């Protein structure tokens, strides 16, 4: 599959950009993609279902290790990390767990 930043690099290429400009646009696409994913991960935790178009906590329910989760596991106090890990293994996962 194409890289997520291919659209920006291809657009630059078609627009007649230099190789350096194409590389800059590829980096822009990469960074924009990361920012979009982080925003999506945060919305899954604290957004509104009507805004995101899917149930809140869908990433958690499907056990997707998102950047906010990984950050919390690295930086939270030990008792909070234990609570997060316990919640991660709850079956079935409920909105109350979120």
PDB file of N, CA and C in Angstrom:
ATOM      1  N   UNK A   1       0.834  -1.201   0.000  1.00  0.00           N
ATOM      2  CA  UNK A   1       0.000   0.000   0.000  1.00  0.00           C
ATOM      3  C   UNK A   1       0.871   1.253   0.000  1.00  0.00           C
ATOM      4  N   UNK A   2       0.345   2.338  -0.547  1.00  0.00           N
ATOM      5  CA  UNK A   2       1.120   3.570  -0.582  1.00  0.00           C
ATOM      6  C   UNK A   2       1.326   4.131   0.827  1.00  0.00           C
ATOM      7  N   UNK A   3       2.382   4.894   0.977  1.00  0.00           N
ATOM      8  CA  UNK A   3       2.623   5.553   2.260  1.00  0.00           C
ATOM      9  C   UNK A   3       1.553   6.610   2.480  1.00  0.00           C
ATOM     10  N   UNK A   4       1.174   6.875   3.751  1.00  0.00           N
ATOM     11  CA  UNK A   4       0.130   7.863   4.008  1.00  0.00           C
ATOM     12  C   UNK A   4       0.505   9.257   3.529  1.00  0.00           C
ATOM     13  N   UNK A   5       1.787   9.534   3.393  1.00  0.00           N
ATOM     14  CA  UNK A   5       2.217  10.855   2.956  1.00  0.00           C
ATOM     15  C   UNK A   5       2.427  10.924   1.440  1.00  0.00           C
ATOM     16  N   UNK A   6       2.086   9.852   0.741  1.00  0.00           N
ATOM     17  CA  UNK A   6       2.292   9.819  -0.708  1.00  0.00           C
ATOM     18  C   UNK A   6       1.455  10.872  -1.418  1.00  0.00           C
ATOM     19  N   UNK A   7       0.266  11.151  -0.913  1.00  0.00           N
ATOM     20  CA  UNK A   7      -0.604  12.122  -1.587  1.00  0.00           C
ATOM     21  C   UNK A   7       0.052  13.494  -1.665  1.00  0.00           C
ATOM     22  N   UNK A   8       0.696  13.912  -0.578  1.00  0.00           N
ATOM     23  CA  UNK A   8       1.326  15.230  -0.610  1.00  0.00           C
ATOM     24  C   UNK A   8       2.561  15.222  -1.515  1.00  0.00           C
ATOM     25  N   UNK A   9       3.329  14.144  -1.497  1.00  0.00           N
ATOM     26  CA  UNK A   9       4.510  14.064  -2.358  1.00  0.00           C
ATOM     27  C   UNK A   9       4.104  13.991  -3.833  1.00  0.00           C
ATOM     28  N   UNK A  10       3.083  13.212  -4.138  1.00  0.00           N
ATOM     29  CA  UNK A  10       2.621  13.101  -5.526  1.00  0.00           C
ATOM     30  C   UNK A  10       2.068  14.433  -6.009  1.00  0.00           C
ATOM     31  N   UNK A  11       1.312  15.105  -5.131  1.00  0.00           N
ATOM     32  CA  UNK A  11       0.790  16.425  -5.495  1.00  0.00           C
ATOM     33  C   UNK A  11       1.905  17.397  -5.813  1.00  0.00           C
ATOM     34  N   UNK A  12       2.953  17.373  -5.013  1.00  0.00           N
ATOM     35  CA  UNK A  12       4.092  18.249  -5.266  1.00  0.00           C
ATOM     36  C   UNK A  12       4.769  17.877  -6.587  1.00  0.00           C
ATOM     37  N   UNK A  13       4.915  16.580  -6.827  1.00  0.00           N
ATOM     38  CA  UNK A  13       5.552  16.117  -8.067  1.00  0.00           C
ATOM     39  C   UNK A  13       4.754  16.568  -9.291  1.00  0.00           C
ATOM     40  N   UNK A  14       3.455  16.338  -9.246  1.00  0.00           N
ATOM     41  CA  UNK A  14       2.602  16.721 -10.375  1.00  0.00           C
ATOM     42  C   UNK A  14       2.629  18.233 -10.576  1.00  0.00           C
ATOM     43  N   UNK A  15       2.760  18.966  -9.475  1.00  0.00           N
ATOM     44  CA  UNK A  15       2.818  20.425  -9.554  1.00  0.00           C
ATOM     45  C   UNK A  15       4.163  20.964 -10.008  1.00  0.00           C
ATOM     46  N   UNK A  16       5.130  20.074 -10.288  1.00  0.00           N
ATOM     47  CA  UNK A  16       6.411  20.511 -10.811  1.00  0.00           C
ATOM     48  C   UNK A  16       7.433  20.877  -9.751  1.00  0.00           C
ATOM     49  N   UNK A  17       7.261  20.364  -8.553  1.00  0.00           N
ATOM     50  CA  UNK A  17       8.188  20.676  -7.464  1.00  0.00           C
ATOM     51  C   UNK A  17       9.554  20.057  -7.697  1.00  0.00           C
ATOM     52  N   UNK A  18      10.538  20.646  -7.068  1.00  0.00           N
ATOM     53  CA  UNK A  18      11.882  20.070  -7.095  1.00  0.00           C
ATOM     54  C   UNK A  18      11.902  18.848  -6.171  1.00  0.00           C
ATOM     55  N   UNK A  19      12.923  17.991  -6.295  1.00  0.00           N
ATOM     56  CA  UNK A  19      13.021  16.847  -5.379  1.00  0.00           C
ATOM     57  C   UNK A  19      13.029  17.276  -3.905  1.00  0.00           C
ATOM     58  N   UNK A  20      13.680  18.378  -3.602  1.00  0.00           N
ATOM     59  CA  UNK A  20      13.708  18.872  -2.220  1.00  0.00           C
ATOM     60  C   UNK A  20      12.311  19.287  -1.767  1.00  0.00           C
ATOM     61  N   UNK A  21      11.574  19.935  -2.645  1.00  0.00           N
ATOM     62  CA  UNK A  21      10.208  20.341  -2.309  1.00  0.00           C
ATOM     63  C   UNK A  21       9.310  19.117  -2.147  1.00  0.00           C
ATOM     64  N   UNK A  22       9.494  18.123  -3.016  1.00  0.00           N
ATOM     65  CA  UNK A  22       8.725  16.891  -2.873  1.00  0.00           C
ATOM     66  C   UNK A  22       8.979  16.248  -1.518  1.00  0.00           C
ATOM     67  N   UNK A  23      10.248  16.213  -1.112  1.00  0.00           N
ATOM     68  CA  UNK A  23      10.587  15.638   0.196  1.00  0.00           C
ATOM     69  C   UNK A  23       9.950  16.437   1.323  1.00  0.00           C
ATOM     70  N   UNK A  24       9.943  17.747   1.194  1.00  0.00           N
ATOM     71  CA  UNK A  24       9.318  18.592   2.222  1.00  0.00           C
ATOM     72  C   UNK A  24       7.819  18.326   2.291  1.00  0.00           C
ATOM     73  N   UNK A  25       7.179  18.172   1.142  1.00  0.00           N
ATOM     74  CA  UNK A  25       5.744  17.873   1.137  1.00  0.00           C
ATOM     75  C   UNK A  25       5.466  16.479   1.698  1.00  0.00           C
ATOM     76  N   UNK A  26       6.355  15.534   1.446  1.00  0.00           N
ATOM     77  CA  UNK A  26       6.196  14.198   2.018  1.00  0.00           C
ATOM     78  C   UNK A  26       6.279  14.283   3.540  1.00  0.00           C
ATOM     79  N   UNK A  27       7.239  15.060   4.054  1.00  0.00           N
ATOM     80  CA  UNK A  27       7.352  15.236   5.516  1.00  0.00           C
ATOM     81  C   UNK A  27       6.099  15.903   6.065  1.00  0.00           C
ATOM     82  N   UNK A  28       5.585  16.905   5.355  1.00  0.00           N
ATOM     83  CA  UNK A  28       4.349  17.575   5.779  1.00  0.00           C
ATOM     84  C   UNK A  28       3.206  16.569   5.875  1.00  0.00           C
ATOM     85  N   UNK A  29       3.074  15.719   4.873  1.00  0.00           N
ATOM     86  CA  UNK A  29       2.023  14.707   4.889  1.00  0.00           C
ATOM     87  C   UNK A  29       2.184  13.748   6.051  1.00  0.00           C
ATOM     88  N   UNK A  30       3.415  13.376   6.347  1.00  0.00           N
ATOM     89  CA  UNK A  30       3.682  12.463   7.458  1.00  0.00           C
ATOM     90  C   UNK A  30       3.292  13.105   8.789  1.00  0.00           C
ATOM     91  N   UNK A  31       3.743  14.330   9.013  1.00  0.00           N
ATOM     92  CA  UNK A  31       3.449  15.021  10.271  1.00  0.00           C
ATOM     93  C   UNK A  31       1.949  15.302  10.394  1.00  0.00           C
ATOM     94  N   UNK A  32       1.318  15.708   9.298  1.00  0.00           N
ATOM     95  CA  UNK A  32      -0.117  15.950   9.331  1.00  0.00           C
ATOM     96  C   UNK A  32      -0.869  14.665   9.665  1.00  0.00           C
ATOM     97  N   UNK A  33      -0.424  13.552   9.097  1.00  0.00           N
ATOM     98  CA  UNK A  33      -1.051  12.263   9.391  1.00  0.00           C
ATOM     99  C   UNK A  33      -0.926  11.892  10.856  1.00  0.00           C
ATOM    100  N   UNK A  34       0.238  12.146  11.442  1.00  0.00           N
ATOM    101  CA  UNK A  34       0.423  11.870  12.870  1.00  0.00           C
ATOM    102  C   UNK A  34      -0.496  12.745  13.719  1.00  0.00           C
ATOM    103  N   UNK A  35      -0.587  14.031  13.369  1.00  0.00           N
ATOM    104  CA  UNK A  35      -1.456  14.942  14.118  1.00  0.00           C
ATOM    105  C   UNK A  35      -2.918  14.506  14.002  1.00  0.00           C
ATOM    106  N   UNK A  36      -3.329  14.106  12.816  1.00  0.00           N
ATOM    107  CA  UNK A  36      -4.696  13.638  12.615  1.00  0.00           C
ATOM    108  C   UNK A  36      -4.964  12.410  13.475  1.00  0.00           C
ATOM    109  N   UNK A  37      -4.019  11.463  13.496  1.00  0.00           N
ATOM    110  CA  UNK A  37      -4.213  10.236  14.271  1.00  0.00           C
ATOM    111  C   UNK A  37      -4.288  10.530  15.754  1.00  0.00           C
ATOM    112  N   UNK A  38      -3.440  11.431  16.243  1.00  0.00           N
ATOM    113  CA  UNK A  38      -3.482  11.793  17.655  1.00  0.00           C
ATOM    114  C   UNK A  38      -4.823  12.435  18.000  1.00  0.00           C
ATOM    115  N   UNK A  39      -5.305  13.338  17.152  1.00  0.00           N
ATOM    116  CA  UNK A  39      -6.609  13.965  17.398  1.00  0.00           C
ATOM    117  C   UNK A  39      -7.712  12.911  17.412  1.00  0.00           C
ATOM    118  N   UNK A  40      -7.652  11.955  16.488  1.00  0.00           N
ATOM    119  CA  UNK A  40      -8.639  10.882  16.443  1.00  0.00           C
ATOM    120  C   UNK A  40      -8.587  10.039  17.719  1.00  0.00           C
ATOM    121  N   UNK A  41      -7.380   9.730  18.189  1.00  0.00           N
ATOM    122  CA  UNK A  41      -7.222   8.941  19.421  1.00  0.00           C
ATOM    123  C   UNK A  41      -7.801   9.679  20.620  1.00  0.00           C
ATOM    124  N   UNK A  42      -7.562  10.982  20.705  1.00  0.00           N
ATOM    125  CA  UNK A  42      -8.084  11.773  21.822  1.00  0.00           C
ATOM    126  C   UNK A  42      -9.604  11.887  21.756  1.00  0.00           C
ATOM    127  N   UNK A  43     -10.142  12.059  20.547  1.00  0.00           N
ATOM    128  CA  UNK A  43     -11.595  12.133  20.399  1.00  0.00           C
ATOM    129  C   UNK A  43     -12.249  10.831  20.834  1.00  0.00           C
ATOM    130  N   UNK A  44     -11.584   9.706  20.608  1.00  0.00           N
ATOM    131  CA  UNK A  44     -12.122   8.407  21.019  1.00  0.00           C
ATOM    132  C   UNK A  44     -12.259   8.327  22.534  1.00  0.00           C
ATOM    133  N   UNK A  45     -11.427   9.067  23.239  1.00  0.00           N
ATOM    134  CA  UNK A  45     -11.469   9.049  24.701  1.00  0.00           C
ATOM    135  C   UNK A  45     -12.411  10.085  25.293  1.00  0.00           C
ATOM    136  N   UNK A  46     -12.513  11.245  24.662  1.00  0.00           N
ATOM    137  CA  UNK A  46     -13.274  12.313  25.306  1.00  0.00           C
ATOM    138  C   UNK A  46     -14.151  13.118  24.361  1.00  0.00           C
ATOM    139  N   UNK A  47     -14.338  12.640  23.149  1.00  0.00           N
ATOM    140  CA  UNK A  47     -15.172  13.366  22.202  1.00  0.00           C
ATOM    141  C   UNK A  47     -16.645  13.057  22.392  1.00  0.00           C
ATOM    142  N   UNK A  48     -17.412  13.467  21.414  1.00  0.00           N
ATOM    143  CA  UNK A  48     -18.846  13.176  21.373  1.00  0.00           C
ATOM    144  C   UNK A  48     -19.080  12.191  20.242  1.00  0.00           C
ATOM    145  N   UNK A  49     -19.875  11.174  20.519  1.00  0.00           N
ATOM    146  CA  UNK A  49     -20.150  10.167  19.487  1.00  0.00           C
ATOM    147  C   UNK A  49     -20.699  10.807  18.224  1.00  0.00           C
ATOM    148  N   UNK A  50     -21.521  11.850  18.393  1.00  0.00           N
ATOM    149  CA  UNK A  50     -22.108  12.498  17.220  1.00  0.00           C
ATOM    150  C   UNK A  50     -21.048  13.203  16.373  1.00  0.00           C
ATOM    151  N   UNK A  51     -19.931  13.585  16.989  1.00  0.00           N
ATOM    152  CA  UNK A  51     -18.860  14.254  16.244  1.00  0.00           C
ATOM    153  C   UNK A  51     -17.908  13.274  15.578  1.00  0.00           C
ATOM    154  N   UNK A  52     -17.667  12.131  16.211  1.00  0.00           N
ATOM    155  CA  UNK A  52     -16.659  11.218  15.677  1.00  0.00           C
ATOM    156  C   UNK A  52     -17.244  10.088  14.832  1.00  0.00           C
ATOM    157  N   UNK A  53     -18.545   9.893  14.891  1.00  0.00           N
ATOM    158  CA  UNK A  53     -19.189   8.902  14.037  1.00  0.00           C
ATOM    159  C   UNK A  53     -18.982   7.459  14.440  1.00  0.00           C
ATOM    160  N   UNK A  54     -18.534   7.254  15.662  1.00  0.00           N
ATOM    161  CA  UNK A  54     -18.379   5.886  16.166  1.00  0.00           C
ATOM    162  C   UNK A  54     -18.535   5.961  17.679  1.00  0.00           C
ATOM    163  N   UNK A  55     -18.810   4.834  18.317  1.00  0.00           N
ATOM    164  CA  UNK A  55     -18.970   4.865  19.776  1.00  0.00           C
ATOM    165  C   UNK A  55     -17.674   5.292  20.466  1.00  0.00           C
ATOM    166  N   UNK A  56     -17.807   6.050  21.536  1.00  0.00           N
ATOM    167  CA  UNK A  56     -16.634   6.402  22.329  1.00  0.00           C
ATOM    168  C   UNK A  56     -15.994   5.135  22.873  1.00  0.00           C
ATOM    169  N   UNK A  57     -14.687   5.143  22.962  1.00  0.00           N
ATOM    170  CA  UNK A  57     -13.976   3.996  23.506  1.00  0.00           C
ATOM    171  C   UNK A  57     -13.814   2.854  22.532  1.00  0.00           C
ATOM    172  N   UNK A  58     -14.084   3.087  21.251  1.00  0.00           N
ATOM    173  CA  UNK A  58     -13.971   2.006  20.265  1.00  0.00           C
ATOM    174  C   UNK A  58     -12.544   1.462  20.203  1.00  0.00           C
ATOM    175  N   UNK A  59     -11.554   2.353  20.305  1.00  0.00           N
ATOM    176  CA  UNK A  59     -10.161   1.888  20.274  1.00  0.00           C
ATOM    177  C   UNK A  59      -9.880   0.995  21.479  1.00  0.00           C
ATOM    178  N   UNK A  60     -10.354   1.401  22.649  1.00  0.00           N
ATOM    179  CA  UNK A  60     -10.177   0.591  23.863  1.00  0.00           C
ATOM    180  C   UNK A  60     -10.895  -0.743  23.716  1.00  0.00           C
ATOM    181  N   UNK A  61     -12.135  -0.691  23.268  1.00  0.00           N
ATOM    182  CA  UNK A  61     -12.931  -1.910  23.160  1.00  0.00           C
ATOM    183  C   UNK A  61     -12.278  -2.914  22.208  1.00  0.00           C
ATOM    184  N   UNK A  62     -11.584  -2.405  21.194  1.00  0.00           N
ATOM    185  CA  UNK A  62     -10.904  -3.276  20.236  1.00  0.00           C
ATOM    186  C   UNK A  62      -9.440  -3.505  20.612  1.00  0.00           C
ATOM    187  N   UNK A  63      -9.072  -3.031  21.791  1.00  0.00           N
ATOM    188  CA  UNK A  63      -7.727  -3.200  22.348  1.00  0.00           C
ATOM    189  C   UNK A  63      -6.643  -2.641  21.423  1.00  0.00           C
ATOM    190  N   UNK A  64      -6.880  -1.418  20.928  1.00  0.00           N
ATOM    191  CA  UNK A  64      -5.873  -0.722  20.134  1.00  0.00           C
ATOM    192  C   UNK A  64      -5.041   0.139  21.073  1.00  0.00           C
ATOM    193  N   UNK A  65      -3.761  -0.072  21.089  1.00  0.00           N
ATOM    194  CA  UNK A  65      -2.859   0.704  21.940  1.00  0.00           C
ATOM    195  C   UNK A  65      -2.577   2.040  21.257  1.00  0.00           C
ATOM    196  N   UNK A  66      -3.286   3.066  21.674  1.00  0.00           N
ATOM    197  CA  UNK A  66      -3.151   4.382  21.075  1.00  0.00           C
ATOM    198  C   UNK A  66      -2.061   5.189  21.778  1.00  0.00           C
ATOM    199  N   UNK A  67      -1.650   6.285  21.141  1.00  0.00           N
ATOM    200  CA  UNK A  67      -0.617   7.124  21.733  1.00  0.00           C
ATOM    201  C   UNK A  67      -1.022   7.667  23.108  1.00  0.00           C
ATOM    202  N   UNK A  68      -2.261   8.146  23.303  1.00  0.00           N
ATOM    203  CA  UNK A  68      -2.632   8.598  24.655  1.00  0.00           C
ATOM    204  C   UNK A  68      -2.517   7.485  25.700  1.00  0.00           C
ATOM    205  N   UNK A  69      -2.881   6.275  25.335  1.00  0.00           N
ATOM    206  CA  UNK A  69      -2.757   5.150  26.266  1.00  0.00           C
ATOM    207  C   UNK A  69      -1.290   4.883  26.583  1.00  0.00           C
ATOM    208  N   UNK A  70      -0.459   4.816  25.569  1.00  0.00           N
ATOM    209  CA  UNK A  70       0.961   4.553  25.783  1.00  0.00           C
ATOM    210  C   UNK A  70       1.609   5.658  26.615  1.00  0.00           C
ATOM    211  N   UNK A  71       1.212   6.888  26.362  1.00  0.00           N
ATOM    212  CA  UNK A  71       1.738   8.012  27.151  1.00  0.00           C
ATOM    213  C   UNK A  71       1.326   7.873  28.616  1.00  0.00           C
ATOM    214  N   UNK A  72       0.070   7.535  28.852  1.00  0.00           N
ATOM    215  CA  UNK A  72      -0.405   7.361  30.230  1.00  0.00           C
ATOM    216  C   UNK A  72       0.358   6.240  30.933  1.00  0.00           C
ATOM    217  N   UNK A  73       0.591   5.150  30.233  1.00  0.00           N
ATOM    218  CA  UNK A  73       1.316   4.036  30.845  1.00  0.00           C
ATOM    219  C   UNK A  73       2.759   4.393  31.174  1.00  0.00           C
ATOM    220  N   UNK A  74       3.340   5.315  30.423  1.00  0.00           N
ATOM    221  CA  UNK A  74       4.729   5.726  30.677  1.00  0.00           C
ATOM    222  C   UNK A  74       4.851   6.800  31.751  1.00  0.00           C
ATOM    223  N   UNK A  75       3.786   7.610  31.944  1.00  0.00           N
ATOM    224  CA  UNK A  75       3.947   8.793  32.793  1.00  0.00           C
ATOM    225  C   UNK A  75       3.061   8.824  34.030  1.00  0.00           C
ATOM    226  N   UNK A  76       2.053   8.000  34.084  1.00  0.00           N
ATOM    227  CA  UNK A  76       1.118   8.040  35.210  1.00  0.00           C
ATOM    228  C   UNK A  76       1.741   7.406  36.451  1.00  0.00           C
ATOM    229  N   UNK A  77       1.224   7.772  37.626  1.00  0.00           N
ATOM    230  CA  UNK A  77       1.665   7.109  38.856  1.00  0.00           C
ATOM    231  C   UNK A  77       1.382   5.606  38.785  1.00  0.00           C
ATOM    232  N   UNK A  78       2.148   4.828  39.533  1.00  0.00           N
ATOM    233  CA  UNK A  78       2.064   3.367  39.475  1.00  0.00           C
ATOM    234  C   UNK A  78       0.658   2.851  39.744  1.00  0.00           C
ATOM    235  N   UNK A  79      -0.068   3.438  40.699  1.00  0.00           N
ATOM    236  CA  UNK A  79      -1.415   2.952  40.988  1.00  0.00           C
ATOM    237  C   UNK A  79      -2.366   3.211  39.820  1.00  0.00           C
ATOM    238  N   UNK A  80      -2.167   4.314  39.119  1.00  0.00           N
ATOM    239  CA  UNK A  80      -2.996   4.606  37.944  1.00  0.00           C
ATOM    240  C   UNK A  80      -2.661   3.646  36.812  1.00  0.00           C
ATOM    241  N   UNK A  81      -1.392   3.343  36.629  1.00  0.00           N
ATOM    242  CA  UNK A  81      -0.981   2.384  35.592  1.00  0.00           C
ATOM    243  C   UNK A  81      -1.599   1.022  35.876  1.00  0.00           C
ATOM    244  N   UNK A  82      -1.594   0.595  37.143  1.00  0.00           N
ATOM    245  CA  UNK A  82      -2.230  -0.689  37.491  1.00  0.00           C
ATOM    246  C   UNK A  82      -3.720  -0.659  37.161  1.00  0.00           C
ATOM    247  N   UNK A  83      -4.384   0.447  37.474  1.00  0.00           N
ATOM    248  CA  UNK A  83      -5.816   0.563  37.183  1.00  0.00           C
ATOM    249  C   UNK A  83      -6.072   0.501  35.677  1.00  0.00           C
ATOM    250  N   UNK A  84      -5.250   1.208  34.913  1.00  0.00           N
ATOM    251  CA  UNK A  84      -5.399   1.177  33.449  1.00  0.00           C
ATOM    252  C   UNK A  84      -5.208  -0.248  32.932  1.00  0.00           C
ATOM    253  N   UNK A  85      -4.175  -0.919  33.408  1.00  0.00           N
ATOM    254  CA  UNK A  85      -3.913  -2.300  32.949  1.00  0.00           C
ATOM    255  C   UNK A  85      -5.060  -3.234  33.337  1.00  0.00           C
ATOM    256  N   UNK A  86      -5.613  -3.067  34.536  1.00  0.00           N
ATOM    257  CA  UNK A  86      -6.758  -3.882  34.951  1.00  0.00           C
ATOM    258  C   UNK A  86      -7.959  -3.628  34.051  1.00  0.00           C
ATOM    259  N   UNK A  87      -8.229  -2.358  33.751  1.00  0.00           N
ATOM    260  CA  UNK A  87      -9.353  -2.020  32.879  1.00  0.00           C
ATOM    261  C   UNK A  87      -9.151  -2.560  31.469  1.00  0.00           C
ATOM    262  N   UNK A  88      -7.906  -2.549  31.014  1.00  0.00           N
ATOM    263  CA  UNK A  88      -7.590  -3.029  29.668  1.00  0.00           C
ATOM    264  C   UNK A  88      -8.026  -4.476  29.479  1.00  0.00           C
ATOM    265  N   UNK A  89      -7.960  -5.253  30.561  1.00  0.00           N
ATOM    266  CA  UNK A  89      -8.263  -6.681  30.470  1.00  0.00           C
ATOM    267  C   UNK A  89      -9.702  -7.024  30.846  1.00  0.00           C
ATOM    268  N   UNK A  90     -10.538  -6.038  31.116  1.00  0.00           N
ATOM    269  CA  UNK A  90     -11.934  -6.306  31.454  1.00  0.00           C
ATOM    270  C   UNK A  90     -12.683  -6.836  30.239  1.00  0.00           C
ATOM    271  N   UNK A  91     -13.466  -7.861  30.446  1.00  0.00           N
ATOM    272  CA  UNK A  91     -14.329  -8.431  29.390  1.00  0.00           C
ATOM    273  C   UNK A  91     -15.720  -8.617  29.952  1.00  0.00           C
ATOM    274  N   UNK A  92     -16.746  -8.184  29.300  1.00  0.00           N
ATOM    275  CA  UNK A  92     -16.683  -7.308  28.138  1.00  0.00           C
ATOM    276  C   UNK A  92     -16.351  -5.883  28.579  1.00  0.00           C
ATOM    277  N   UNK A  93     -15.822  -5.117  27.664  1.00  0.00           N
ATOM    278  CA  UNK A  93     -15.496  -3.722  27.928  1.00  0.00           C
ATOM    279  C   UNK A  93     -16.784  -2.906  27.867  1.00  0.00           C
ATOM    280  N   UNK A  94     -17.039  -2.094  28.881  1.00  0.00           N
ATOM    281  CA  UNK A  94     -18.267  -1.310  28.945  1.00  0.00           C
ATOM    282  C   UNK A  94     -17.939   0.187  28.949  1.00  0.00           C
ATOM    283  N   UNK A  95     -18.928   1.028  28.667  1.00  0.00           N
ATOM    284  CA  UNK A  95     -18.699   2.472  28.747  1.00  0.00           C
ATOM    285  C   UNK A  95     -18.231   2.928  30.134  1.00  0.00           C
ATOM    286  N   UNK A  96     -18.647   2.228  31.161  1.00  0.00           N
ATOM    287  CA  UNK A  96     -18.204   2.582  32.516  1.00  0.00           C
ATOM    288  C   UNK A  96     -16.691   2.377  32.673  1.00  0.00           C
ATOM    289  N   UNK A  97     -16.151   1.385  32.009  1.00  0.00           N
ATOM    290  CA  UNK A  97     -14.708   1.166  32.057  1.00  0.00           C
ATOM    291  C   UNK A  97     -13.950   2.334  31.445  1.00  0.00           C
ATOM    292  N   UNK A  98     -14.489   2.905  30.379  1.00  0.00           N
ATOM    293  CA  UNK A  98     -13.847   4.048  29.740  1.00  0.00           C
ATOM    294  C   UNK A  98     -13.771   5.197  30.710  1.00  0.00           C
TER     295      UNK A  98
END
